[in-house]
């Protein structure tokens, strides 16, 4: 499997600067020793967002904590024939947070 080495922001900025100067994607990839697809994706992202800096941590925020997940699994393993809504109601009552 291929090894992934994320580019640091400084290197991404240097790549974008080279592309803005008029260098080709192929020449920039050869200069930095990376594949053309990485340079191309970085260039497309820069053109759409206007920044070369990557945003960290995307995704949907969690609604339950790891402890809440353990509680749900514990309730399900206890053998009670309860629906998910009943377990969610119990969790809401126990933690005070809406699930």
C-alpha atoms as a PDB file:
ATOM      1  CA  UNK A   1       0.000   0.000   0.000  1.00  0.00           C
ATOM      2  CA  UNK A   2       1.211   3.474  -0.786  1.00  0.00           C
ATOM      3  CA  UNK A   3       2.591   5.596   2.006  1.00  0.00           C
ATOM      4  CA  UNK A   4       0.893   8.951   2.478  1.00  0.00           C
ATOM      5  CA  UNK A   5       2.967  11.954   3.434  1.00  0.00           C
ATOM      6  CA  UNK A   6       0.788  15.027   3.717  1.00  0.00           C
ATOM      7  CA  UNK A   7       2.399  18.169   2.374  1.00  0.00           C
ATOM      8  CA  UNK A   8       3.057  20.939   4.829  1.00  0.00           C
ATOM      9  CA  UNK A   9       1.509  24.327   4.160  1.00  0.00           C
ATOM     10  CA  UNK A  10       4.833  25.891   3.211  1.00  0.00           C
ATOM     11  CA  UNK A  11       5.444  23.355   0.457  1.00  0.00           C
ATOM     12  CA  UNK A  12       1.892  23.724  -0.828  1.00  0.00           C
ATOM     13  CA  UNK A  13       2.412  27.490  -0.969  1.00  0.00           C
ATOM     14  CA  UNK A  14       5.646  27.095  -2.922  1.00  0.00           C
ATOM     15  CA  UNK A  15       3.894  24.773  -5.382  1.00  0.00           C
ATOM     16  CA  UNK A  16       1.060  27.254  -5.889  1.00  0.00           C
ATOM     17  CA  UNK A  17       3.560  30.079  -6.401  1.00  0.00           C
ATOM     18  CA  UNK A  18       5.348  28.088  -9.109  1.00  0.00           C
ATOM     19  CA  UNK A  19       2.037  27.376 -10.846  1.00  0.00           C
ATOM     20  CA  UNK A  20       1.052  31.044 -10.661  1.00  0.00           C
ATOM     21  CA  UNK A  21       4.379  31.942 -12.285  1.00  0.00           C
ATOM     22  CA  UNK A  22       3.343  29.835 -15.256  1.00  0.00           C
ATOM     23  CA  UNK A  23       5.195  26.587 -14.652  1.00  0.00           C
ATOM     24  CA  UNK A  24       3.448  23.418 -15.761  1.00  0.00           C
ATOM     25  CA  UNK A  25       2.018  20.860 -13.356  1.00  0.00           C
ATOM     26  CA  UNK A  26       4.491  18.288 -14.689  1.00  0.00           C
ATOM     27  CA  UNK A  27       7.536  20.482 -14.039  1.00  0.00           C
ATOM     28  CA  UNK A  28       6.343  21.406 -10.528  1.00  0.00           C
ATOM     29  CA  UNK A  29       5.723  17.737  -9.714  1.00  0.00           C
ATOM     30  CA  UNK A  30       9.191  16.806 -10.928  1.00  0.00           C
ATOM     31  CA  UNK A  31      10.811  19.628  -8.950  1.00  0.00           C
ATOM     32  CA  UNK A  32       9.144  18.626  -5.672  1.00  0.00           C
ATOM     33  CA  UNK A  33       9.386  14.885  -6.317  1.00  0.00           C
ATOM     34  CA  UNK A  34       5.666  14.187  -6.016  1.00  0.00           C
ATOM     35  CA  UNK A  35       3.007  12.940  -8.401  1.00  0.00           C
ATOM     36  CA  UNK A  36       1.220  15.191 -10.847  1.00  0.00           C
ATOM     37  CA  UNK A  37      -2.163  14.334  -9.334  1.00  0.00           C
ATOM     38  CA  UNK A  38      -1.145  15.809  -5.963  1.00  0.00           C
ATOM     39  CA  UNK A  39      -0.036  19.044  -7.606  1.00  0.00           C
ATOM     40  CA  UNK A  40      -3.184  19.151  -9.714  1.00  0.00           C
ATOM     41  CA  UNK A  41      -5.484  18.592  -6.717  1.00  0.00           C
ATOM     42  CA  UNK A  42      -3.680  21.289  -4.730  1.00  0.00           C
ATOM     43  CA  UNK A  43      -3.977  23.697  -7.657  1.00  0.00           C
ATOM     44  CA  UNK A  44      -7.701  23.002  -8.097  1.00  0.00           C
ATOM     45  CA  UNK A  45      -8.289  23.472  -4.371  1.00  0.00           C
ATOM     46  CA  UNK A  46      -6.408  26.775  -4.483  1.00  0.00           C
ATOM     47  CA  UNK A  47      -8.444  27.995  -7.443  1.00  0.00           C
ATOM     48  CA  UNK A  48     -11.770  27.204  -5.769  1.00  0.00           C
ATOM     49  CA  UNK A  49     -10.980  28.280  -2.195  1.00  0.00           C
ATOM     50  CA  UNK A  50      -8.339  30.940  -2.778  1.00  0.00           C
ATOM     51  CA  UNK A  51      -5.993  29.520  -0.154  1.00  0.00           C
ATOM     52  CA  UNK A  52      -3.310  26.852  -0.167  1.00  0.00           C
ATOM     53  CA  UNK A  53      -3.755  26.040   3.525  1.00  0.00           C
ATOM     54  CA  UNK A  54      -5.644  22.863   4.303  1.00  0.00           C
ATOM     55  CA  UNK A  55      -8.479  22.953   6.777  1.00  0.00           C
ATOM     56  CA  UNK A  56      -7.964  20.458   9.559  1.00  0.00           C
ATOM     57  CA  UNK A  57     -10.616  18.308  11.114  1.00  0.00           C
ATOM     58  CA  UNK A  58     -13.609  18.230   8.817  1.00  0.00           C
ATOM     59  CA  UNK A  59     -16.618  16.061   9.191  1.00  0.00           C
ATOM     60  CA  UNK A  60     -19.793  16.075  11.184  1.00  0.00           C
ATOM     61  CA  UNK A  61     -19.409  16.741  14.930  1.00  0.00           C
ATOM     62  CA  UNK A  62     -20.189  13.877  17.270  1.00  0.00           C
ATOM     63  CA  UNK A  63     -23.462  13.935  19.166  1.00  0.00           C
ATOM     64  CA  UNK A  64     -22.497  11.210  21.602  1.00  0.00           C
ATOM     65  CA  UNK A  65     -19.263  10.845  23.506  1.00  0.00           C
ATOM     66  CA  UNK A  66     -17.224   7.662  23.734  1.00  0.00           C
ATOM     67  CA  UNK A  67     -18.724   7.110  27.178  1.00  0.00           C
ATOM     68  CA  UNK A  68     -22.233   7.518  25.782  1.00  0.00           C
ATOM     69  CA  UNK A  69     -21.442   4.917  23.149  1.00  0.00           C
ATOM     70  CA  UNK A  70     -20.279   2.516  25.864  1.00  0.00           C
ATOM     71  CA  UNK A  71     -23.517   3.105  27.767  1.00  0.00           C
ATOM     72  CA  UNK A  72     -25.598   2.332  24.678  1.00  0.00           C
ATOM     73  CA  UNK A  73     -23.651  -0.871  24.019  1.00  0.00           C
ATOM     74  CA  UNK A  74     -23.981  -1.906  27.666  1.00  0.00           C
ATOM     75  CA  UNK A  75     -27.742  -1.385  27.573  1.00  0.00           C
ATOM     76  CA  UNK A  76     -28.015  -3.370  24.352  1.00  0.00           C
ATOM     77  CA  UNK A  77     -25.896  -6.247  25.741  1.00  0.00           C
ATOM     78  CA  UNK A  78     -27.953  -6.581  28.891  1.00  0.00           C
ATOM     79  CA  UNK A  79     -30.433  -8.538  26.820  1.00  0.00           C
ATOM     80  CA  UNK A  80     -33.332  -6.186  27.206  1.00  0.00           C
ATOM     81  CA  UNK A  81     -35.560  -6.083  24.177  1.00  0.00           C
ATOM     82  CA  UNK A  82     -35.672  -2.328  23.867  1.00  0.00           C
ATOM     83  CA  UNK A  83     -35.892  -0.184  20.823  1.00  0.00           C
ATOM     84  CA  UNK A  84     -33.191   2.312  19.986  1.00  0.00           C
ATOM     85  CA  UNK A  85     -35.504   5.181  20.907  1.00  0.00           C
ATOM     86  CA  UNK A  86     -35.954   3.792  24.430  1.00  0.00           C
ATOM     87  CA  UNK A  87     -32.186   3.452  24.901  1.00  0.00           C
ATOM     88  CA  UNK A  88     -31.711   6.981  23.537  1.00  0.00           C
ATOM     89  CA  UNK A  89     -34.326   8.271  26.002  1.00  0.00           C
ATOM     90  CA  UNK A  90     -32.541   6.540  28.883  1.00  0.00           C
ATOM     91  CA  UNK A  91     -29.239   8.044  27.791  1.00  0.00           C
ATOM     92  CA  UNK A  92     -30.805  11.502  27.570  1.00  0.00           C
ATOM     93  CA  UNK A  93     -32.201  11.110  31.069  1.00  0.00           C
ATOM     94  CA  UNK A  94     -28.890   9.847  32.453  1.00  0.00           C
ATOM     95  CA  UNK A  95     -26.651  12.477  30.835  1.00  0.00           C
ATOM     96  CA  UNK A  96     -28.971  15.431  30.428  1.00  0.00           C
ATOM     97  CA  UNK A  97     -28.052  15.764  26.733  1.00  0.00           C
ATOM     98  CA  UNK A  98     -30.395  15.191  23.856  1.00  0.00           C
ATOM     99  CA  UNK A  99     -29.415  12.294  21.595  1.00  0.00           C
END
